[in-house]
Amino acid sequence: MRAGGVGNFENDDALDWVSELERAKNSSFLVETLRIVTERGDEYLEIPEACRALAAAEVVAALKHAANPVLPLEVKQWVRKHPVASASLSELAVKAVQRVATASELNELWDESERASEWYDVIDDLEMRLKG
């Protein structure tokens, strides 16, 4: 994570992913991103994959009309052009968020930070928006 804040789009990995999202024609790109995290089993989940999964989960929340108020413009534009998220996509996003929050290099990094509680608040908010 080269640059970062507690927000799910406040890091270079997520912003690089947004550039790829702009070229995606449908939600299969979201599914691919989320499955990289959820199908890892016990394999170590590194920061780039974790950040990308959180960004994808934010897009799913936006597709459910529960968008983070701080979405990048590119994400807002993509969401306007695509259908609402299916229940299975929402469930996949929740699983990915939970995996990142409990077993990843990213959560380890934030656990060592003075801003850990802020990051977990952001994660909890995302999870609630996905389940709502």
C-alpha atoms as a PDB file:
ATOM      1  CA  MET A   1       0.000   0.000   0.000  1.00  0.00           C
ATOM      2  CA  ARG A   2       1.996   2.927  -1.285  1.00  0.00           C
ATOM      3  CA  ALA A   3      -0.259   5.762  -0.162  1.00  0.00           C
ATOM      4  CA  GLY A   4      -3.143   5.492   2.139  1.00  0.00           C
ATOM      5  CA  GLY A   5      -5.875   6.622   4.402  1.00  0.00           C
ATOM      6  CA  VAL A   6      -8.574   4.632   6.137  1.00  0.00           C
ATOM      7  CA  GLY A   7     -11.045   4.932   3.245  1.00  0.00           C
ATOM      8  CA  ASN A   8     -11.343   2.063   0.803  1.00  0.00           C
ATOM      9  CA  PHE A   9     -10.311   4.271  -2.122  1.00  0.00           C
ATOM     10  CA  GLU A  10      -7.523   6.050  -0.249  1.00  0.00           C
ATOM     11  CA  ASN A  11      -4.731   3.811  -1.493  1.00  0.00           C
ATOM     12  CA  ASP A  12      -2.927   3.301  -4.772  1.00  0.00           C
ATOM     13  CA  ASP A  13      -3.935  -0.353  -5.147  1.00  0.00           C
ATOM     14  CA  ALA A  14      -7.643   0.500  -5.072  1.00  0.00           C
ATOM     15  CA  LEU A  15      -7.198   3.450  -7.412  1.00  0.00           C
ATOM     16  CA  ASP A  16      -5.248   1.301  -9.881  1.00  0.00           C
ATOM     17  CA  TRP A  17      -8.121  -1.196  -9.720  1.00  0.00           C
ATOM     18  CA  VAL A  18     -10.608   1.596 -10.513  1.00  0.00           C
ATOM     19  CA  SER A  19      -8.703   2.213 -13.760  1.00  0.00           C
ATOM     20  CA  GLU A  20      -9.309  -1.426 -14.670  1.00  0.00           C
ATOM     21  CA  LEU A  21     -12.983  -1.186 -13.645  1.00  0.00           C
ATOM     22  CA  GLU A  22     -13.524   1.572 -16.181  1.00  0.00           C
ATOM     23  CA  ARG A  23     -12.800  -0.950 -18.958  1.00  0.00           C
ATOM     24  CA  ALA A  24     -15.015  -3.680 -17.467  1.00  0.00           C
ATOM     25  CA  LYS A  25     -18.158  -4.357 -19.452  1.00  0.00           C
ATOM     26  CA  ASN A  26     -20.094  -6.065 -16.655  1.00  0.00           C
ATOM     27  CA  SER A  27     -19.991  -7.331 -13.081  1.00  0.00           C
ATOM     28  CA  SER A  28     -17.808 -10.346 -13.927  1.00  0.00           C
ATOM     29  CA  PHE A  29     -14.794  -8.123 -13.190  1.00  0.00           C
ATOM     30  CA  LEU A  30     -16.185  -7.572  -9.682  1.00  0.00           C
ATOM     31  CA  VAL A  31     -16.739 -11.308  -9.240  1.00  0.00           C
ATOM     32  CA  GLU A  32     -13.157 -12.076 -10.324  1.00  0.00           C
ATOM     33  CA  THR A  33     -11.729  -9.521  -7.905  1.00  0.00           C
ATOM     34  CA  LEU A  34     -13.797 -10.776  -4.983  1.00  0.00           C
ATOM     35  CA  ARG A  35     -13.127 -14.460  -5.681  1.00  0.00           C
ATOM     36  CA  ILE A  36      -9.384 -13.893  -5.570  1.00  0.00           C
ATOM     37  CA  VAL A  37      -9.928 -13.137  -1.889  1.00  0.00           C
ATOM     38  CA  THR A  38     -12.690 -15.579  -0.993  1.00  0.00           C
ATOM     39  CA  GLU A  39     -11.193 -18.625  -2.691  1.00  0.00           C
ATOM     40  CA  ARG A  40      -7.741 -18.299  -1.148  1.00  0.00           C
ATOM     41  CA  GLY A  41      -8.458 -20.614   1.764  1.00  0.00           C
ATOM     42  CA  ASP A  42      -5.649 -20.304   4.297  1.00  0.00           C
ATOM     43  CA  GLU A  43      -3.253 -18.793   1.750  1.00  0.00           C
ATOM     44  CA  TYR A  44      -1.804 -15.463   2.885  1.00  0.00           C
ATOM     45  CA  LEU A  45      -3.754 -12.508   1.514  1.00  0.00           C
ATOM     46  CA  GLU A  46      -1.461  -9.627   0.633  1.00  0.00           C
ATOM     47  CA  ILE A  47      -2.282  -5.928   0.711  1.00  0.00           C
ATOM     48  CA  PRO A  48      -2.879  -5.336  -3.030  1.00  0.00           C
ATOM     49  CA  GLU A  49      -5.513  -8.075  -3.299  1.00  0.00           C
ATOM     50  CA  ALA A  50      -7.157  -6.944  -0.067  1.00  0.00           C
ATOM     51  CA  CYS A  51      -7.372  -3.307  -1.197  1.00  0.00           C
ATOM     52  CA  ARG A  52      -8.759  -4.326  -4.572  1.00  0.00           C
ATOM     53  CA  ALA A  53     -11.399  -6.520  -2.933  1.00  0.00           C
ATOM     54  CA  LEU A  54     -12.531  -3.690  -0.664  1.00  0.00           C
ATOM     55  CA  ALA A  55     -12.820  -1.389  -3.668  1.00  0.00           C
ATOM     56  CA  ALA A  56     -14.880  -4.036  -5.483  1.00  0.00           C
ATOM     57  CA  ALA A  57     -17.106  -4.437  -2.435  1.00  0.00           C
ATOM     58  CA  GLU A  58     -17.677  -0.680  -2.416  1.00  0.00           C
ATOM     59  CA  VAL A  59     -18.819  -0.903  -6.037  1.00  0.00           C
ATOM     60  CA  VAL A  60     -21.215  -3.714  -5.120  1.00  0.00           C
ATOM     61  CA  ALA A  61     -22.624  -1.565  -2.310  1.00  0.00           C
ATOM     62  CA  ALA A  62     -23.078   1.284  -4.775  1.00  0.00           C
ATOM     63  CA  LEU A  63     -24.900  -1.057  -7.165  1.00  0.00           C
ATOM     64  CA  LYS A  64     -27.226  -1.850  -4.248  1.00  0.00           C
ATOM     65  CA  HIS A  65     -27.947   1.882  -3.884  1.00  0.00           C
ATOM     66  CA  ALA A  66     -25.950   1.991  -0.647  1.00  0.00           C
ATOM     67  CA  ALA A  67     -22.950   3.894  -1.972  1.00  0.00           C
ATOM     68  CA  ASN A  68     -20.146   5.317   0.064  1.00  0.00           C
ATOM     69  CA  PRO A  69     -20.507   9.113  -0.207  1.00  0.00           C
ATOM     70  CA  VAL A  70     -16.813   9.327  -1.141  1.00  0.00           C
ATOM     71  CA  LEU A  71     -16.781   7.296  -4.344  1.00  0.00           C
ATOM     72  CA  PRO A  72     -14.345   8.251  -7.091  1.00  0.00           C
ATOM     73  CA  LEU A  73     -16.056   9.843 -10.080  1.00  0.00           C
ATOM     74  CA  GLU A  74     -15.021   6.916 -12.290  1.00  0.00           C
ATOM     75  CA  VAL A  75     -16.841   4.502  -9.991  1.00  0.00           C
ATOM     76  CA  LYS A  76     -19.983   6.648  -9.968  1.00  0.00           C
ATOM     77  CA  GLN A  77     -19.970   6.706 -13.757  1.00  0.00           C
ATOM     78  CA  TRP A  78     -19.492   2.934 -14.008  1.00  0.00           C
ATOM     79  CA  VAL A  79     -22.299   2.249 -11.524  1.00  0.00           C
ATOM     80  CA  ARG A  80     -24.714   4.463 -13.495  1.00  0.00           C
ATOM     81  CA  LYS A  81     -24.175   2.279 -16.564  1.00  0.00           C
ATOM     82  CA  HIS A  82     -24.652  -1.118 -14.903  1.00  0.00           C
ATOM     83  CA  PRO A  83     -27.522  -3.053 -13.341  1.00  0.00           C
ATOM     84  CA  VAL A  84     -28.194  -3.501  -9.665  1.00  0.00           C
ATOM     85  CA  ALA A  85     -26.106  -6.129  -7.842  1.00  0.00           C
ATOM     86  CA  SER A  86     -27.524  -9.603  -7.437  1.00  0.00           C
ATOM     87  CA  ALA A  87     -27.936 -11.184  -4.009  1.00  0.00           C
ATOM     88  CA  SER A  88     -25.136 -13.652  -4.789  1.00  0.00           C
ATOM     89  CA  LEU A  89     -22.754 -10.820  -5.702  1.00  0.00           C
ATOM     90  CA  SER A  90     -23.617  -9.047  -2.439  1.00  0.00           C
ATOM     91  CA  GLU A  91     -22.967 -12.239  -0.469  1.00  0.00           C
ATOM     92  CA  LEU A  92     -19.618 -12.691  -2.208  1.00  0.00           C
ATOM     93  CA  ALA A  93     -18.681  -9.097  -1.361  1.00  0.00           C
ATOM     94  CA  VAL A  94     -19.571  -9.613   2.313  1.00  0.00           C
ATOM     95  CA  LYS A  95     -17.393 -12.734   2.454  1.00  0.00           C
ATOM     96  CA  ALA A  96     -14.499 -10.857   0.868  1.00  0.00           C
ATOM     97  CA  VAL A  97     -14.808  -7.949   3.311  1.00  0.00           C
ATOM     98  CA  GLN A  98     -14.887 -10.349   6.258  1.00  0.00           C
ATOM     99  CA  ARG A  99     -11.808 -12.183   4.958  1.00  0.00           C
ATOM    100  CA  VAL A 100      -9.867  -8.949   4.536  1.00  0.00           C
ATOM    101  CA  ALA A 101     -10.904  -7.709   7.978  1.00  0.00           C
ATOM    102  CA  THR A 102      -9.891 -10.884   9.792  1.00  0.00           C
ATOM    103  CA  ALA A 103      -7.087 -12.598   7.900  1.00  0.00           C
ATOM    104  CA  SER A 104      -4.985 -10.413   5.639  1.00  0.00           C
ATOM    105  CA  GLU A 105      -1.785  -8.446   5.538  1.00  0.00           C
ATOM    106  CA  LEU A 106      -3.962  -5.328   5.368  1.00  0.00           C
ATOM    107  CA  ASN A 107      -5.736  -5.963   8.649  1.00  0.00           C
ATOM    108  CA  GLU A 108      -2.381  -6.806  10.243  1.00  0.00           C
ATOM    109  CA  LEU A 109      -1.021  -3.472   9.032  1.00  0.00           C
ATOM    110  CA  TRP A 110      -4.001  -1.571  10.409  1.00  0.00           C
ATOM    111  CA  ASP A 111      -3.854  -3.499  13.704  1.00  0.00           C
ATOM    112  CA  GLU A 112      -0.368  -2.048  14.190  1.00  0.00           C
ATOM    113  CA  SER A 113      -1.586   1.470  13.410  1.00  0.00           C
ATOM    114  CA  GLU A 114      -2.891   4.193  15.697  1.00  0.00           C
ATOM    115  CA  ARG A 115      -5.864   4.492  13.320  1.00  0.00           C
ATOM    116  CA  ALA A 116      -6.980   0.856  13.537  1.00  0.00           C
ATOM    117  CA  SER A 117     -10.364   1.688  15.059  1.00  0.00           C
ATOM    118  CA  GLU A 118     -11.061   4.156  12.230  1.00  0.00           C
ATOM    119  CA  TRP A 119     -10.266   1.505   9.622  1.00  0.00           C
ATOM    120  CA  TYR A 120     -12.487  -1.060  11.328  1.00  0.00           C
ATOM    121  CA  ASP A 121     -15.299   1.520  11.442  1.00  0.00           C
ATOM    122  CA  VAL A 122     -14.980   1.914   7.662  1.00  0.00           C
ATOM    123  CA  ILE A 123     -15.028  -1.876   7.227  1.00  0.00           C
ATOM    124  CA  ASP A 124     -18.066  -2.263   9.515  1.00  0.00           C
ATOM    125  CA  ASP A 125     -19.896   0.469   7.607  1.00  0.00           C
ATOM    126  CA  LEU A 126     -19.184  -1.241   4.274  1.00  0.00           C
ATOM    127  CA  GLU A 127     -20.351  -4.591   5.572  1.00  0.00           C
ATOM    128  CA  MET A 128     -23.593  -3.059   6.891  1.00  0.00           C
ATOM    129  CA  ARG A 129     -24.259  -1.336   3.561  1.00  0.00           C
ATOM    130  CA  LEU A 130     -23.715  -4.620   1.734  1.00  0.00           C
ATOM    131  CA  LYS A 131     -26.095  -6.508   4.033  1.00  0.00           C
ATOM    132  CA  GLY A 132     -28.758  -3.787   4.079  1.00  0.00           C
END
